[in-house]
């Protein structure tokens, strides 16, 4: 089930907080997301959560965020994504790059 909270966004820039559920740790999910986010010009972070999920925050062009969300729905080949929780927020200019959070 996809959960979405939509808050007014500044032009075409946005921020999305995503929780990816399923078999998503230990399958290079974080590294793949970092690479894809950088390709798309997004900033933010991705990290493993103790609950077994992967959590990410993306900032940048809304269309680019939508593309990475599509990627997150599938994940790398060894992943088994069961669900995504997505919360949209206003763009905050918080990050300079996209990194893996440990």
N, C-alpha and C. Protein backbone atom coordinates (compact mmCIF):
# COMPACT_ATOMS: atom_id res chain seq x y z
N UNK A 1 0.85 -1.17 0.00
CA UNK A 1 0.00 0.00 0.00
C UNK A 1 0.90 1.23 0.00
N UNK A 2 0.60 2.15 -0.85
CA UNK A 2 1.36 3.39 -0.97
C UNK A 2 0.65 4.47 -0.16
N UNK A 3 1.38 5.10 0.73
CA UNK A 3 0.82 6.19 1.53
C UNK A 3 1.44 7.48 1.03
N UNK A 4 0.62 8.44 0.69
CA UNK A 4 1.14 9.71 0.20
C UNK A 4 0.48 10.87 0.93
N UNK A 5 1.33 11.74 1.45
CA UNK A 5 0.86 13.00 2.00
C UNK A 5 1.38 14.08 1.08
N UNK A 6 0.51 14.88 0.55
CA UNK A 6 0.95 15.92 -0.37
C UNK A 6 0.79 17.27 0.29
N UNK A 7 1.89 17.99 0.32
CA UNK A 7 1.92 19.34 0.86
C UNK A 7 2.34 20.25 -0.28
N UNK A 8 1.82 21.46 -0.33
CA UNK A 8 2.16 22.37 -1.42
C UNK A 8 3.66 22.47 -1.63
N UNK A 9 4.10 22.42 -2.88
CA UNK A 9 5.50 22.45 -3.21
C UNK A 9 5.86 23.73 -3.94
N UNK A 10 7.10 24.15 -3.80
CA UNK A 10 7.63 25.34 -4.44
C UNK A 10 7.97 25.02 -5.89
N UNK A 11 7.16 25.51 -6.83
CA UNK A 11 7.37 25.30 -8.26
C UNK A 11 7.47 23.81 -8.57
N UNK A 12 8.54 23.44 -9.26
CA UNK A 12 8.73 22.04 -9.64
C UNK A 12 9.75 21.34 -8.76
N UNK A 13 10.21 21.98 -7.72
CA UNK A 13 11.15 21.35 -6.79
C UNK A 13 10.37 20.79 -5.62
N UNK A 14 10.84 19.66 -5.12
CA UNK A 14 10.11 18.99 -4.04
C UNK A 14 11.08 18.22 -3.17
N UNK A 15 10.51 17.64 -2.15
CA UNK A 15 11.23 16.77 -1.22
C UNK A 15 10.32 15.57 -0.98
N UNK A 16 10.89 14.39 -0.95
CA UNK A 16 10.11 13.18 -0.66
C UNK A 16 10.86 12.34 0.36
N UNK A 17 10.14 11.89 1.37
CA UNK A 17 10.67 10.97 2.37
C UNK A 17 10.03 9.62 2.07
N UNK A 18 10.88 8.60 1.88
CA UNK A 18 10.39 7.30 1.44
C UNK A 18 10.88 6.19 2.36
N UNK A 19 10.00 5.27 2.67
CA UNK A 19 10.38 4.06 3.39
C UNK A 19 10.05 2.88 2.47
N UNK A 20 11.08 2.06 2.22
CA UNK A 20 10.96 0.94 1.30
C UNK A 20 10.94 -0.34 2.12
N UNK A 21 9.89 -1.13 1.95
CA UNK A 21 9.69 -2.34 2.76
C UNK A 21 9.86 -3.59 1.90
N UNK A 22 10.29 -4.66 2.55
CA UNK A 22 10.48 -5.93 1.88
C UNK A 22 11.87 -6.46 2.15
N UNK A 23 12.36 -7.30 1.25
CA UNK A 23 13.74 -7.78 1.35
C UNK A 23 14.62 -6.75 0.64
N UNK A 24 15.03 -5.73 1.40
CA UNK A 24 15.70 -4.58 0.79
C UNK A 24 17.06 -4.27 1.40
N UNK A 25 17.45 -4.99 2.44
CA UNK A 25 18.78 -4.78 3.02
C UNK A 25 19.69 -5.93 2.61
N UNK A 26 20.97 -5.60 2.41
CA UNK A 26 21.94 -6.62 2.01
C UNK A 26 21.87 -6.98 0.55
N UNK A 27 21.23 -6.13 -0.27
CA UNK A 27 21.08 -6.41 -1.70
C UNK A 27 21.58 -5.23 -2.55
N UNK A 28 22.44 -4.40 -1.98
CA UNK A 28 23.02 -3.24 -2.64
C UNK A 28 21.99 -2.16 -2.99
N UNK A 29 20.90 -2.14 -2.26
CA UNK A 29 19.84 -1.15 -2.51
C UNK A 29 20.38 0.26 -2.31
N UNK A 30 21.05 0.51 -1.19
CA UNK A 30 21.54 1.87 -0.90
C UNK A 30 22.51 2.36 -1.96
N UNK A 31 23.45 1.52 -2.35
CA UNK A 31 24.45 1.92 -3.36
C UNK A 31 23.77 2.22 -4.70
N UNK A 32 22.80 1.39 -5.06
CA UNK A 32 22.09 1.61 -6.32
C UNK A 32 21.26 2.89 -6.29
N UNK A 33 20.61 3.14 -5.16
CA UNK A 33 19.83 4.37 -5.04
C UNK A 33 20.74 5.59 -5.10
N UNK A 34 21.88 5.53 -4.42
CA UNK A 34 22.82 6.67 -4.45
C UNK A 34 23.26 6.95 -5.89
N UNK A 35 23.62 5.91 -6.62
CA UNK A 35 24.06 6.09 -8.01
C UNK A 35 22.95 6.71 -8.86
N UNK A 36 21.75 6.16 -8.75
CA UNK A 36 20.61 6.65 -9.54
C UNK A 36 20.25 8.09 -9.16
N UNK A 37 20.25 8.40 -7.86
CA UNK A 37 19.93 9.75 -7.41
C UNK A 37 20.93 10.76 -7.97
N UNK A 38 22.19 10.40 -7.95
CA UNK A 38 23.22 11.30 -8.48
C UNK A 38 23.05 11.49 -9.98
N UNK A 39 22.72 10.41 -10.70
CA UNK A 39 22.46 10.51 -12.15
C UNK A 39 21.31 11.48 -12.43
N UNK A 40 20.31 11.47 -11.56
CA UNK A 40 19.12 12.31 -11.74
C UNK A 40 19.30 13.72 -11.18
N UNK A 41 20.44 14.00 -10.57
CA UNK A 41 20.70 15.33 -10.02
C UNK A 41 19.99 15.60 -8.71
N UNK A 42 19.65 14.54 -7.98
CA UNK A 42 18.95 14.70 -6.71
C UNK A 42 19.94 14.79 -5.55
N UNK A 43 19.53 15.42 -4.49
CA UNK A 43 20.31 15.46 -3.26
C UNK A 43 19.51 14.77 -2.16
N UNK A 44 20.20 14.44 -1.05
CA UNK A 44 19.53 13.79 0.07
C UNK A 44 20.36 12.66 0.61
N UNK A 45 19.69 11.64 1.12
CA UNK A 45 20.39 10.50 1.72
C UNK A 45 19.55 9.24 1.65
N UNK A 46 20.22 8.10 1.85
CA UNK A 46 19.57 6.80 1.94
C UNK A 46 20.27 6.01 3.04
N UNK A 47 19.50 5.24 3.80
CA UNK A 47 20.09 4.46 4.87
C UNK A 47 19.23 3.27 5.25
N UNK A 48 19.88 2.29 5.87
CA UNK A 48 19.15 1.15 6.43
C UNK A 48 18.54 1.57 7.75
N UNK A 49 17.35 1.08 8.01
CA UNK A 49 16.67 1.33 9.27
C UNK A 49 16.71 0.04 10.08
N UNK A 50 16.83 0.12 11.41
CA UNK A 50 16.87 -1.10 12.23
C UNK A 50 15.66 -2.03 12.03
N UNK A 51 14.55 -1.50 11.54
CA UNK A 51 13.35 -2.32 11.32
C UNK A 51 13.49 -3.25 10.12
N UNK A 52 14.57 -3.10 9.34
CA UNK A 52 14.74 -3.92 8.14
C UNK A 52 14.33 -3.21 6.86
N UNK A 53 13.86 -1.99 6.98
CA UNK A 53 13.48 -1.21 5.82
C UNK A 53 14.66 -0.36 5.36
N UNK A 54 14.51 0.25 4.19
CA UNK A 54 15.44 1.25 3.70
C UNK A 54 14.68 2.57 3.68
N UNK A 55 15.33 3.60 4.18
CA UNK A 55 14.71 4.92 4.28
C UNK A 55 15.51 5.89 3.43
N UNK A 56 14.85 6.81 2.76
CA UNK A 56 15.54 7.78 1.91
C UNK A 56 14.81 9.11 1.91
N UNK A 57 15.58 10.17 1.73
CA UNK A 57 15.05 11.51 1.53
C UNK A 57 15.65 12.03 0.23
N UNK A 58 14.78 12.46 -0.68
CA UNK A 58 15.23 13.00 -1.96
C UNK A 58 14.78 14.44 -2.08
N UNK A 59 15.67 15.30 -2.57
CA UNK A 59 15.31 16.68 -2.89
C UNK A 59 15.75 17.00 -4.31
N UNK A 60 14.92 17.78 -5.00
CA UNK A 60 15.28 18.19 -6.35
C UNK A 60 14.04 18.33 -7.21
N UNK A 61 14.26 18.18 -8.50
CA UNK A 61 13.18 18.28 -9.48
C UNK A 61 12.14 17.19 -9.22
N UNK A 62 10.88 17.59 -9.15
CA UNK A 62 9.81 16.64 -8.82
C UNK A 62 9.76 15.47 -9.80
N UNK A 63 9.98 15.73 -11.07
CA UNK A 63 9.95 14.63 -12.06
C UNK A 63 11.08 13.63 -11.82
N UNK A 64 12.24 14.15 -11.42
CA UNK A 64 13.36 13.26 -11.12
C UNK A 64 13.06 12.42 -9.88
N UNK A 65 12.41 13.02 -8.90
CA UNK A 65 12.01 12.26 -7.71
C UNK A 65 11.01 11.18 -8.10
N UNK A 66 10.08 11.50 -8.97
CA UNK A 66 9.11 10.49 -9.41
C UNK A 66 9.81 9.34 -10.12
N UNK A 67 10.87 9.64 -10.88
CA UNK A 67 11.63 8.58 -11.56
C UNK A 67 12.34 7.68 -10.55
N UNK A 68 12.92 8.27 -9.51
CA UNK A 68 13.62 7.42 -8.54
C UNK A 68 12.62 6.62 -7.70
N UNK A 69 11.44 7.16 -7.50
CA UNK A 69 10.40 6.38 -6.80
C UNK A 69 10.04 5.15 -7.63
N UNK A 70 9.94 5.30 -8.94
CA UNK A 70 9.68 4.15 -9.82
C UNK A 70 10.79 3.12 -9.68
N UNK A 71 12.04 3.60 -9.60
CA UNK A 71 13.16 2.68 -9.41
C UNK A 71 13.04 1.97 -8.06
N UNK A 72 12.69 2.72 -7.02
CA UNK A 72 12.56 2.14 -5.68
C UNK A 72 11.48 1.07 -5.62
N UNK A 73 10.46 1.18 -6.44
CA UNK A 73 9.39 0.18 -6.48
C UNK A 73 9.90 -1.18 -6.95
N UNK A 74 10.95 -1.18 -7.78
CA UNK A 74 11.53 -2.41 -8.29
C UNK A 74 12.79 -2.77 -7.52
N UNK A 75 13.70 -1.82 -7.36
CA UNK A 75 14.96 -2.06 -6.67
C UNK A 75 15.94 -2.84 -7.52
N UNK A 76 17.11 -3.14 -6.95
CA UNK A 76 18.09 -3.93 -7.67
C UNK A 76 17.60 -5.38 -7.82
N UNK A 77 18.25 -6.18 -8.67
CA UNK A 77 17.76 -7.53 -8.97
C UNK A 77 17.52 -8.42 -7.76
N UNK A 78 18.35 -8.37 -6.73
CA UNK A 78 18.19 -9.26 -5.58
C UNK A 78 17.13 -8.79 -4.58
N UNK A 79 16.61 -7.60 -4.76
CA UNK A 79 15.62 -7.05 -3.83
C UNK A 79 14.22 -7.58 -4.12
N UNK A 80 13.41 -7.59 -3.07
CA UNK A 80 11.98 -7.92 -3.20
C UNK A 80 11.20 -6.82 -2.48
N UNK A 81 10.80 -5.81 -3.23
CA UNK A 81 10.08 -4.68 -2.65
C UNK A 81 8.62 -5.06 -2.46
N UNK A 82 8.14 -4.90 -1.23
CA UNK A 82 6.75 -5.22 -0.92
C UNK A 82 5.87 -3.98 -0.87
N UNK A 83 6.45 -2.85 -0.44
CA UNK A 83 5.63 -1.67 -0.21
C UNK A 83 6.51 -0.43 -0.11
N UNK A 84 5.95 0.71 -0.43
CA UNK A 84 6.61 2.01 -0.27
C UNK A 84 5.67 2.93 0.49
N UNK A 85 6.22 3.64 1.46
CA UNK A 85 5.50 4.75 2.08
C UNK A 85 6.17 6.02 1.59
N UNK A 86 5.40 6.94 1.05
CA UNK A 86 5.94 8.16 0.46
C UNK A 86 5.27 9.36 1.10
N UNK A 87 6.07 10.30 1.54
CA UNK A 87 5.55 11.54 2.11
C UNK A 87 6.20 12.70 1.35
N UNK A 88 5.39 13.47 0.66
CA UNK A 88 5.88 14.63 -0.08
C UNK A 88 5.92 15.84 0.84
N UNK A 89 6.95 16.64 0.69
CA UNK A 89 7.13 17.85 1.49
C UNK A 89 7.65 18.97 0.61
N UNK A 90 7.64 20.19 1.12
CA UNK A 90 8.22 21.30 0.36
C UNK A 90 9.74 21.17 0.26
N UNK A 91 10.28 21.63 -0.83
CA UNK A 91 11.73 21.64 -1.06
C UNK A 91 12.39 22.51 0.02
N UNK A 92 13.49 22.02 0.60
CA UNK A 92 14.13 22.74 1.70
C UNK A 92 15.56 23.18 1.43
N UNK A 93 16.17 22.73 0.35
CA UNK A 93 17.59 23.05 0.06
C UNK A 93 18.51 22.62 1.20
N UNK A 94 18.24 21.48 1.78
CA UNK A 94 19.00 21.02 2.94
C UNK A 94 20.33 20.36 2.58
N UNK A 95 20.43 19.77 1.40
CA UNK A 95 21.59 18.94 1.06
C UNK A 95 22.39 19.51 -0.12
N UNK A 96 23.69 19.14 -0.15
CA UNK A 96 24.55 19.53 -1.26
C UNK A 96 24.83 18.38 -2.20
N UNK A 97 24.62 17.16 -1.73
CA UNK A 97 24.91 15.96 -2.50
C UNK A 97 23.95 14.85 -2.07
N UNK A 98 24.09 13.67 -2.65
CA UNK A 98 23.32 12.53 -2.21
C UNK A 98 24.29 11.51 -1.63
N UNK A 99 24.00 11.04 -0.42
CA UNK A 99 24.95 10.15 0.26
C UNK A 99 24.24 9.01 0.98
N UNK A 100 25.04 8.00 1.33
CA UNK A 100 24.55 6.89 2.14
C UNK A 100 24.75 7.26 3.59
N UNK A 101 23.70 7.18 4.36
CA UNK A 101 23.75 7.49 5.79
C UNK A 101 23.95 6.20 6.56
N UNK A 102 24.96 6.18 7.40
CA UNK A 102 25.27 4.99 8.21
C UNK A 102 24.86 5.18 9.64
